[in-house]
Amino acid sequence: MSMQALAGIRLLVLDVDGVLTDGRIQLTADGQELKSFHVRDGLGLKRLMSAGVTVALISGRSSVVVQRRAVELGIQEVHQGVDDKGPVFDALLQRLGLARSAAAVMGDDLPDLPMMDGAGFSATVADAPASVRETVDWVADEAGGAGAVRSLCDLILSARGAG
């Protein structure tokens, strides 16, 4: 892990299910979707955004709950229902005028690898499949939805001297 690479991060891209949540999808009898988010992840993201890092969500699923959580946290870059995440990630970088080296990506499974490959810093959660854990720069001690995002935020802030 390169603290120098982390210090240059200007964009944090997160998958949602399995990263910001524990990956379980709960549906009520009337079709309402329930997800649990860890409050410490939210605080970490707010601190990171206050330090000038843009946060983006790129998710394979679409959920009103995710949009609501993004609004609560002040995350404006929310891309849901994305089957092929690589092109969306590249378009986001181009629109923001950033190189891949300025982006950190945290995902938890195979659909996230196109974003993680070649990013300035790639990370995953403790409970990600071995095939993902083996390919990233850093693995959080925490599982998805259990504070893993907060740990990554703290790591980036520390590398920037703002921890």
N, C-alpha and C. Protein backbone atom coordinates (compact mmCIF):
# COMPACT_ATOMS: atom_id res chain seq x y z
N MET A 1 0.85 -1.18 0.00
CA MET A 1 0.00 0.00 0.00
C MET A 1 0.89 1.24 0.00
N SER A 2 0.58 2.14 -0.90
CA SER A 2 1.37 3.36 -1.02
C SER A 2 0.62 4.53 -0.41
N MET A 3 1.18 5.09 0.66
CA MET A 3 0.56 6.27 1.27
C MET A 3 0.61 7.45 0.30
N GLN A 4 1.63 7.45 -0.57
CA GLN A 4 1.72 8.52 -1.57
C GLN A 4 0.55 8.44 -2.54
N ALA A 5 0.20 7.22 -2.95
CA ALA A 5 -0.95 7.06 -3.85
C ALA A 5 -2.22 7.51 -3.14
N LEU A 6 -2.37 7.17 -1.88
CA LEU A 6 -3.56 7.58 -1.12
C LEU A 6 -3.62 9.09 -0.94
N ALA A 7 -2.49 9.72 -0.76
CA ALA A 7 -2.47 11.18 -0.56
C ALA A 7 -2.98 11.92 -1.79
N GLY A 8 -2.84 11.30 -2.97
CA GLY A 8 -3.28 11.94 -4.21
C GLY A 8 -4.72 11.63 -4.60
N ILE A 9 -5.45 10.94 -3.76
CA ILE A 9 -6.83 10.57 -4.09
C ILE A 9 -7.73 11.80 -4.06
N ARG A 10 -8.49 11.98 -5.15
CA ARG A 10 -9.43 13.10 -5.25
C ARG A 10 -10.86 12.60 -5.45
N LEU A 11 -11.00 11.28 -5.68
CA LEU A 11 -12.31 10.68 -5.93
C LEU A 11 -12.35 9.31 -5.26
N LEU A 12 -13.40 9.07 -4.49
CA LEU A 12 -13.65 7.74 -3.92
C LEU A 12 -14.92 7.21 -4.54
N VAL A 13 -14.80 6.06 -5.22
CA VAL A 13 -15.95 5.41 -5.85
C VAL A 13 -16.27 4.16 -5.05
N LEU A 14 -17.54 4.01 -4.70
CA LEU A 14 -17.99 2.87 -3.90
C LEU A 14 -19.09 2.10 -4.61
N ASP A 15 -18.99 0.79 -4.54
CA ASP A 15 -20.14 -0.05 -4.81
C ASP A 15 -21.04 0.10 -3.59
N VAL A 16 -22.29 -0.31 -3.68
CA VAL A 16 -23.21 -0.16 -2.55
C VAL A 16 -23.44 -1.47 -1.83
N ASP A 17 -24.11 -2.41 -2.49
CA ASP A 17 -24.45 -3.68 -1.85
C ASP A 17 -23.19 -4.51 -1.60
N GLY A 18 -22.93 -4.80 -0.34
CA GLY A 18 -21.73 -5.54 0.03
C GLY A 18 -20.58 -4.66 0.45
N VAL A 19 -20.70 -3.35 0.24
CA VAL A 19 -19.67 -2.40 0.66
C VAL A 19 -20.27 -1.44 1.69
N LEU A 20 -21.25 -0.64 1.27
CA LEU A 20 -21.94 0.23 2.22
C LEU A 20 -23.01 -0.53 3.01
N THR A 21 -23.39 -1.69 2.50
CA THR A 21 -24.35 -2.54 3.21
C THR A 21 -23.71 -3.92 3.38
N ASP A 22 -24.37 -4.79 4.12
CA ASP A 22 -23.83 -6.14 4.31
C ASP A 22 -24.11 -7.05 3.12
N GLY A 23 -24.73 -6.52 2.09
CA GLY A 23 -24.97 -7.27 0.88
C GLY A 23 -26.31 -7.98 0.84
N ARG A 24 -26.99 -8.02 1.98
CA ARG A 24 -28.30 -8.67 1.99
C ARG A 24 -29.36 -7.70 1.50
N ILE A 25 -30.32 -8.22 0.78
CA ILE A 25 -31.43 -7.42 0.28
C ILE A 25 -32.69 -7.94 0.96
N GLN A 26 -33.33 -7.08 1.74
CA GLN A 26 -34.55 -7.47 2.43
C GLN A 26 -35.74 -6.83 1.73
N LEU A 27 -36.72 -7.66 1.42
CA LEU A 27 -37.92 -7.18 0.75
C LEU A 27 -39.12 -7.45 1.64
N THR A 28 -39.98 -6.46 1.79
CA THR A 28 -41.20 -6.65 2.55
C THR A 28 -42.26 -7.27 1.65
N ALA A 29 -43.36 -7.72 2.25
CA ALA A 29 -44.43 -8.36 1.49
C ALA A 29 -45.00 -7.45 0.41
N ASP A 30 -44.98 -6.13 0.66
CA ASP A 30 -45.52 -5.20 -0.34
C ASP A 30 -44.45 -4.67 -1.30
N GLY A 31 -43.26 -5.29 -1.29
CA GLY A 31 -42.23 -4.95 -2.26
C GLY A 31 -41.28 -3.85 -1.84
N GLN A 32 -41.41 -3.34 -0.62
CA GLN A 32 -40.48 -2.32 -0.13
C GLN A 32 -39.11 -2.96 0.10
N GLU A 33 -38.06 -2.24 -0.22
CA GLU A 33 -36.70 -2.73 -0.02
C GLU A 33 -36.11 -2.11 1.23
N LEU A 34 -35.43 -2.94 2.02
CA LEU A 34 -34.79 -2.47 3.25
C LEU A 34 -33.28 -2.73 3.14
N LYS A 35 -32.49 -1.75 3.53
CA LYS A 35 -31.04 -1.89 3.58
C LYS A 35 -30.55 -1.24 4.87
N SER A 36 -29.47 -1.76 5.40
CA SER A 36 -28.86 -1.20 6.60
C SER A 36 -27.53 -0.57 6.24
N PHE A 37 -27.34 0.66 6.67
CA PHE A 37 -26.09 1.39 6.46
C PHE A 37 -25.47 1.67 7.82
N HIS A 38 -24.15 1.61 7.90
CA HIS A 38 -23.46 1.87 9.16
C HIS A 38 -23.22 3.37 9.31
N VAL A 39 -23.60 3.91 10.45
CA VAL A 39 -23.48 5.34 10.68
C VAL A 39 -22.02 5.81 10.64
N ARG A 40 -21.09 4.95 11.05
CA ARG A 40 -19.68 5.35 11.01
C ARG A 40 -19.18 5.52 9.58
N ASP A 41 -19.70 4.70 8.66
CA ASP A 41 -19.34 4.89 7.25
C ASP A 41 -19.80 6.28 6.79
N GLY A 42 -21.00 6.65 7.19
CA GLY A 42 -21.54 7.96 6.81
C GLY A 42 -20.68 9.10 7.31
N LEU A 43 -20.25 9.02 8.56
CA LEU A 43 -19.39 10.08 9.11
C LEU A 43 -18.06 10.13 8.39
N GLY A 44 -17.50 8.96 8.10
CA GLY A 44 -16.23 8.93 7.36
C GLY A 44 -16.36 9.58 5.99
N LEU A 45 -17.46 9.30 5.30
CA LEU A 45 -17.68 9.90 3.98
C LEU A 45 -17.86 11.40 4.07
N LYS A 46 -18.58 11.87 5.07
CA LYS A 46 -18.76 13.32 5.24
C LYS A 46 -17.42 14.00 5.52
N ARG A 47 -16.59 13.38 6.35
CA ARG A 47 -15.27 13.94 6.65
C ARG A 47 -14.41 13.99 5.39
N LEU A 48 -14.48 12.93 4.59
CA LEU A 48 -13.70 12.87 3.36
C LEU A 48 -14.14 13.95 2.38
N MET A 49 -15.46 14.11 2.24
CA MET A 49 -15.97 15.15 1.34
C MET A 49 -15.59 16.54 1.84
N SER A 50 -15.60 16.74 3.15
CA SER A 50 -15.19 18.02 3.72
C SER A 50 -13.73 18.32 3.43
N ALA A 51 -12.94 17.28 3.24
CA ALA A 51 -11.52 17.44 2.93
C ALA A 51 -11.29 17.62 1.42
N GLY A 52 -12.37 17.68 0.64
CA GLY A 52 -12.24 17.96 -0.78
C GLY A 52 -12.24 16.75 -1.70
N VAL A 53 -12.53 15.57 -1.17
CA VAL A 53 -12.58 14.37 -1.99
C VAL A 53 -14.02 14.15 -2.45
N THR A 54 -14.22 13.97 -3.74
CA THR A 54 -15.54 13.67 -4.28
C THR A 54 -15.86 12.21 -4.02
N VAL A 55 -17.09 11.93 -3.62
CA VAL A 55 -17.53 10.55 -3.40
C VAL A 55 -18.60 10.23 -4.44
N ALA A 56 -18.48 9.04 -5.02
CA ALA A 56 -19.46 8.59 -6.02
C ALA A 56 -19.89 7.17 -5.68
N LEU A 57 -21.15 6.88 -5.96
CA LEU A 57 -21.68 5.53 -5.81
C LEU A 57 -21.99 4.98 -7.20
N ILE A 58 -21.51 3.77 -7.49
CA ILE A 58 -21.83 3.09 -8.73
C ILE A 58 -22.31 1.70 -8.35
N SER A 59 -23.60 1.46 -8.59
CA SER A 59 -24.23 0.22 -8.13
C SER A 59 -24.91 -0.51 -9.28
N GLY A 60 -24.87 -1.81 -9.22
CA GLY A 60 -25.53 -2.62 -10.22
C GLY A 60 -27.04 -2.63 -10.06
N ARG A 61 -27.51 -2.39 -8.85
CA ARG A 61 -28.95 -2.38 -8.59
C ARG A 61 -29.44 -0.94 -8.48
N SER A 62 -30.73 -0.76 -8.62
CA SER A 62 -31.36 0.54 -8.41
C SER A 62 -32.23 0.47 -7.17
N SER A 63 -32.12 1.47 -6.32
CA SER A 63 -32.85 1.46 -5.06
C SER A 63 -33.16 2.87 -4.60
N VAL A 64 -34.40 3.10 -4.24
CA VAL A 64 -34.81 4.38 -3.67
C VAL A 64 -34.07 4.61 -2.35
N VAL A 65 -33.84 3.54 -1.62
CA VAL A 65 -33.16 3.63 -0.33
C VAL A 65 -31.73 4.17 -0.50
N VAL A 66 -31.05 3.71 -1.53
CA VAL A 66 -29.68 4.18 -1.80
C VAL A 66 -29.70 5.66 -2.16
N GLN A 67 -30.65 6.08 -2.99
CA GLN A 67 -30.74 7.48 -3.35
C GLN A 67 -30.99 8.35 -2.12
N ARG A 68 -31.85 7.88 -1.24
CA ARG A 68 -32.14 8.64 -0.02
C ARG A 68 -30.91 8.77 0.86
N ARG A 69 -30.16 7.66 1.02
CA ARG A 69 -28.95 7.71 1.84
C ARG A 69 -27.93 8.65 1.21
N ALA A 70 -27.81 8.63 -0.10
CA ALA A 70 -26.87 9.53 -0.78
C ALA A 70 -27.23 10.99 -0.53
N VAL A 71 -28.52 11.30 -0.59
CA VAL A 71 -28.97 12.67 -0.32
C VAL A 71 -28.63 13.07 1.12
N GLU A 72 -28.89 12.16 2.06
CA GLU A 72 -28.57 12.44 3.47
C GLU A 72 -27.10 12.77 3.66
N LEU A 73 -26.24 12.08 2.92
CA LEU A 73 -24.80 12.27 3.07
C LEU A 73 -24.24 13.38 2.19
N GLY A 74 -25.03 13.87 1.24
CA GLY A 74 -24.54 14.90 0.34
C GLY A 74 -23.75 14.35 -0.84
N ILE A 75 -23.95 13.09 -1.16
CA ILE A 75 -23.28 12.48 -2.32
C ILE A 75 -24.12 12.78 -3.56
N GLN A 76 -23.50 13.48 -4.51
CA GLN A 76 -24.23 13.89 -5.71
C GLN A 76 -24.03 12.94 -6.87
N GLU A 77 -22.91 12.24 -6.89
CA GLU A 77 -22.61 11.31 -7.99
C GLU A 77 -23.16 9.93 -7.63
N VAL A 78 -24.39 9.66 -8.07
CA VAL A 78 -25.05 8.38 -7.78
C VAL A 78 -25.46 7.76 -9.11
N HIS A 79 -24.89 6.60 -9.39
CA HIS A 79 -25.15 5.91 -10.65
C HIS A 79 -25.66 4.51 -10.30
N GLN A 80 -26.94 4.26 -10.55
CA GLN A 80 -27.56 2.99 -10.18
C GLN A 80 -28.04 2.24 -11.42
N GLY A 81 -28.23 0.94 -11.25
CA GLY A 81 -28.67 0.11 -12.36
C GLY A 81 -27.60 -0.04 -13.43
N VAL A 82 -26.35 -0.04 -13.02
CA VAL A 82 -25.22 -0.08 -13.95
C VAL A 82 -24.75 -1.52 -14.11
N ASP A 83 -24.93 -2.08 -15.31
CA ASP A 83 -24.49 -3.44 -15.57
C ASP A 83 -22.99 -3.52 -15.81
N ASP A 84 -22.45 -2.57 -16.55
CA ASP A 84 -21.02 -2.55 -16.87
C ASP A 84 -20.42 -1.31 -16.22
N LYS A 85 -19.77 -1.48 -15.08
CA LYS A 85 -19.32 -0.35 -14.28
C LYS A 85 -18.09 0.36 -14.84
N GLY A 86 -17.26 -0.34 -15.60
CA GLY A 86 -16.04 0.27 -16.14
C GLY A 86 -16.28 1.52 -16.95
N PRO A 87 -17.16 1.49 -17.96
CA PRO A 87 -17.41 2.69 -18.76
C PRO A 87 -18.02 3.84 -17.96
N VAL A 88 -18.87 3.54 -16.99
CA VAL A 88 -19.45 4.60 -16.15
C VAL A 88 -18.36 5.26 -15.31
N PHE A 89 -17.47 4.44 -14.76
CA PHE A 89 -16.33 4.94 -13.99
C PHE A 89 -15.44 5.82 -14.87
N ASP A 90 -15.12 5.36 -16.07
CA ASP A 90 -14.27 6.14 -16.98
C ASP A 90 -14.93 7.46 -17.38
N ALA A 91 -16.24 7.43 -17.62
CA ALA A 91 -16.96 8.65 -17.99
C ALA A 91 -16.97 9.64 -16.82
N LEU A 92 -17.10 9.12 -15.60
CA LEU A 92 -17.06 9.97 -14.41
C LEU A 92 -15.70 10.64 -14.28
N LEU A 93 -14.64 9.88 -14.45
CA LEU A 93 -13.29 10.45 -14.39
C LEU A 93 -13.11 11.53 -15.44
N GLN A 94 -13.58 11.26 -16.65
CA GLN A 94 -13.43 12.24 -17.73
C GLN A 94 -14.20 13.51 -17.41
N ARG A 95 -15.44 13.36 -16.92
CA ARG A 95 -16.25 14.53 -16.60
C ARG A 95 -15.63 15.36 -15.48
N LEU A 96 -15.00 14.69 -14.51
CA LEU A 96 -14.36 15.39 -13.40
C LEU A 96 -12.95 15.86 -13.74
N GLY A 97 -12.43 15.44 -14.88
CA GLY A 97 -11.08 15.84 -15.29
C GLY A 97 -10.00 15.18 -14.46
N LEU A 98 -10.23 13.92 -14.06
CA LEU A 98 -9.28 13.21 -13.21
C LEU A 98 -8.69 12.00 -13.93
N ALA A 99 -7.45 11.70 -13.60
CA ALA A 99 -6.82 10.47 -14.07
C ALA A 99 -7.23 9.33 -13.15
N ARG A 100 -7.12 8.09 -13.64
CA ARG A 100 -7.43 6.92 -12.81
C ARG A 100 -6.59 6.91 -11.54
N SER A 101 -5.37 7.44 -11.62
CA SER A 101 -4.48 7.44 -10.46
C SER A 101 -5.02 8.30 -9.31
N ALA A 102 -5.96 9.20 -9.60
CA ALA A 102 -6.55 10.07 -8.57
C ALA A 102 -7.80 9.46 -7.95
N ALA A 103 -8.13 8.22 -8.34
CA ALA A 103 -9.36 7.59 -7.85
C ALA A 103 -9.04 6.37 -6.99
N ALA A 104 -9.77 6.28 -5.88
CA ALA A 104 -9.79 5.06 -5.07
C ALA A 104 -11.14 4.40 -5.31
N VAL A 105 -11.15 3.08 -5.39
CA VAL A 105 -12.38 2.33 -5.61
C VAL A 105 -12.49 1.23 -4.57
N MET A 106 -13.66 1.14 -3.94
CA MET A 106 -13.92 0.04 -3.02
C MET A 106 -15.12 -0.73 -3.55
N GLY A 107 -14.87 -1.99 -3.89
CA GLY A 107 -15.91 -2.89 -4.35
C GLY A 107 -15.79 -4.20 -3.61
N ASP A 108 -16.74 -5.11 -3.89
CA ASP A 108 -16.71 -6.36 -3.14
C ASP A 108 -16.86 -7.61 -4.00
N ASP A 109 -17.06 -7.45 -5.31
CA ASP A 109 -17.26 -8.66 -6.11
C ASP A 109 -16.87 -8.41 -7.56
N LEU A 110 -17.01 -9.43 -8.37
CA LEU A 110 -16.52 -9.41 -9.75
C LEU A 110 -16.99 -8.23 -10.59
N PRO A 111 -18.26 -7.78 -10.49
CA PRO A 111 -18.68 -6.64 -11.31
C PRO A 111 -17.91 -5.34 -11.00
N ASP A 112 -17.24 -5.29 -9.85
CA ASP A 112 -16.50 -4.09 -9.47
C ASP A 112 -15.08 -4.06 -10.02
N LEU A 113 -14.58 -5.20 -10.46
CA LEU A 113 -13.19 -5.28 -10.91
C LEU A 113 -12.84 -4.33 -12.06
N PRO A 114 -13.74 -4.10 -13.04
CA PRO A 114 -13.37 -3.15 -14.09
C PRO A 114 -13.09 -1.73 -13.56
N MET A 115 -13.71 -1.37 -12.46
CA MET A 115 -13.41 -0.05 -11.86
C MET A 115 -12.12 -0.12 -11.06
N MET A 116 -11.92 -1.21 -10.37
CA MET A 116 -10.78 -1.35 -9.47
C MET A 116 -9.46 -1.52 -10.21
N ASP A 117 -9.51 -2.21 -11.36
CA ASP A 117 -8.30 -2.42 -12.15
C ASP A 117 -7.78 -1.09 -12.68
N GLY A 118 -6.60 -0.74 -12.32
CA GLY A 118 -5.99 0.48 -12.82
C GLY A 118 -6.35 1.73 -12.05
N ALA A 119 -7.19 1.60 -11.02
CA ALA A 119 -7.47 2.77 -10.17
C ALA A 119 -6.21 3.10 -9.37
N GLY A 120 -6.11 4.31 -8.92
CA GLY A 120 -4.96 4.71 -8.12
C GLY A 120 -4.83 3.88 -6.86
N PHE A 121 -5.97 3.46 -6.32
CA PHE A 121 -5.98 2.64 -5.11
C PHE A 121 -7.24 1.80 -5.12
N SER A 122 -7.10 0.50 -4.93
CA SER A 122 -8.26 -0.38 -4.91
C SER A 122 -8.38 -1.03 -3.54
N ALA A 123 -9.61 -1.17 -3.09
CA ALA A 123 -9.86 -1.72 -1.75
C ALA A 123 -11.09 -2.60 -1.77
N THR A 124 -11.17 -3.48 -0.80
CA THR A 124 -12.35 -4.32 -0.65
C THR A 124 -12.62 -4.57 0.82
N VAL A 125 -13.72 -5.23 1.07
CA VAL A 125 -14.18 -5.53 2.43
C VAL A 125 -13.66 -6.90 2.85
N ALA A 126 -13.63 -7.14 4.15
CA ALA A 126 -13.07 -8.38 4.68
C ALA A 126 -13.80 -9.62 4.19
N ASP A 127 -15.10 -9.50 3.94
CA ASP A 127 -15.87 -10.67 3.54
C ASP A 127 -16.05 -10.80 2.02
N ALA A 128 -15.23 -10.10 1.25
CA ALA A 128 -15.27 -10.24 -0.21
C ALA A 128 -14.73 -11.61 -0.59
N PRO A 129 -15.11 -12.12 -1.75
CA PRO A 129 -14.55 -13.39 -2.21
C PRO A 129 -13.02 -13.31 -2.34
N ALA A 130 -12.36 -14.43 -2.14
CA ALA A 130 -10.90 -14.47 -2.22
C ALA A 130 -10.40 -13.94 -3.56
N SER A 131 -11.13 -14.22 -4.64
CA SER A 131 -10.70 -13.77 -5.97
C SER A 131 -10.63 -12.24 -6.07
N VAL A 132 -11.41 -11.55 -5.25
CA VAL A 132 -11.37 -10.09 -5.22
C VAL A 132 -10.30 -9.62 -4.22
N ARG A 133 -10.27 -10.21 -3.05
CA ARG A 133 -9.30 -9.82 -2.02
C ARG A 133 -7.86 -9.93 -2.54
N GLU A 134 -7.61 -10.92 -3.39
CA GLU A 134 -6.26 -11.16 -3.90
C GLU A 134 -5.81 -10.13 -4.93
N THR A 135 -6.74 -9.34 -5.46
CA THR A 135 -6.38 -8.42 -6.56
C THR A 135 -6.27 -6.97 -6.13
N VAL A 136 -6.62 -6.64 -4.88
CA VAL A 136 -6.70 -5.23 -4.48
C VAL A 136 -5.45 -4.79 -3.70
N ASP A 137 -5.33 -3.47 -3.56
CA ASP A 137 -4.22 -2.89 -2.81
C ASP A 137 -4.41 -3.03 -1.30
N TRP A 138 -5.67 -3.07 -0.85
CA TRP A 138 -5.93 -3.05 0.59
C TRP A 138 -7.25 -3.74 0.89
N VAL A 139 -7.27 -4.53 1.96
CA VAL A 139 -8.48 -5.20 2.42
C VAL A 139 -8.80 -4.69 3.82
N ALA A 140 -10.00 -4.17 3.98
CA ALA A 140 -10.44 -3.67 5.29
C ALA A 140 -10.55 -4.83 6.29
N ASP A 141 -10.38 -4.53 7.55
CA ASP A 141 -10.59 -5.53 8.60
C ASP A 141 -12.07 -5.81 8.80
N GLU A 142 -12.92 -4.87 8.38
CA GLU A 142 -14.36 -4.98 8.58
C GLU A 142 -15.05 -5.53 7.34
N ALA A 143 -16.19 -6.16 7.59
CA ALA A 143 -17.04 -6.66 6.50
C ALA A 143 -17.82 -5.50 5.90
N GLY A 144 -18.44 -5.76 4.76
CA GLY A 144 -19.31 -4.77 4.14
C GLY A 144 -20.45 -4.40 5.07
N GLY A 145 -20.75 -3.10 5.15
CA GLY A 145 -21.82 -2.62 6.01
C GLY A 145 -21.47 -2.57 7.47
N ALA A 146 -20.22 -2.86 7.81
CA ALA A 146 -19.79 -2.91 9.22
C ALA A 146 -18.65 -1.95 9.53
N GLY A 147 -18.52 -0.88 8.73
CA GLY A 147 -17.49 0.12 9.00
C GLY A 147 -16.27 0.05 8.10
N ALA A 148 -16.29 -0.80 7.09
CA ALA A 148 -15.14 -0.92 6.17
C ALA A 148 -14.88 0.39 5.42
N VAL A 149 -15.96 1.06 5.02
CA VAL A 149 -15.81 2.32 4.29
C VAL A 149 -15.18 3.37 5.20
N ARG A 150 -15.58 3.41 6.46
CA ARG A 150 -14.99 4.36 7.42
C ARG A 150 -13.49 4.13 7.53
N SER A 151 -13.08 2.87 7.61
CA SER A 151 -11.64 2.58 7.71
C SER A 151 -10.89 3.10 6.49
N LEU A 152 -11.47 2.94 5.30
CA LEU A 152 -10.83 3.46 4.10
C LEU A 152 -10.79 4.98 4.11
N CYS A 153 -11.88 5.61 4.51
CA CYS A 153 -11.90 7.08 4.61
C CYS A 153 -10.82 7.57 5.56
N ASP A 154 -10.70 6.93 6.71
CA ASP A 154 -9.68 7.32 7.70
C ASP A 154 -8.28 7.14 7.13
N LEU A 155 -8.07 6.07 6.36
CA LEU A 155 -6.77 5.81 5.75
C LEU A 155 -6.42 6.92 4.75
N ILE A 156 -7.39 7.30 3.93
CA ILE A 156 -7.14 8.37 2.95
C ILE A 156 -6.89 9.69 3.67
N LEU A 157 -7.68 10.00 4.66
CA LEU A 157 -7.49 11.25 5.41
C LEU A 157 -6.12 11.28 6.09
N SER A 158 -5.71 10.17 6.64
CA SER A 158 -4.41 10.08 7.30
C SER A 158 -3.29 10.32 6.29
N ALA A 159 -3.40 9.72 5.11
CA ALA A 159 -2.38 9.89 4.08
C ALA A 159 -2.31 11.35 3.61
N ARG A 160 -3.44 12.02 3.65
CA ARG A 160 -3.49 13.43 3.25
C ARG A 160 -3.07 14.37 4.38
N GLY A 161 -2.77 13.79 5.54
CA GLY A 161 -2.37 14.60 6.68
C GLY A 161 -3.54 15.26 7.38
N ALA A 162 -4.75 14.73 7.13
CA ALA A 162 -5.95 15.33 7.71
C ALA A 162 -6.64 14.35 8.65
N GLY A 163 -5.94 13.29 9.04
CA GLY A 163 -6.55 12.24 9.85
C GLY A 163 -6.71 12.66 11.26
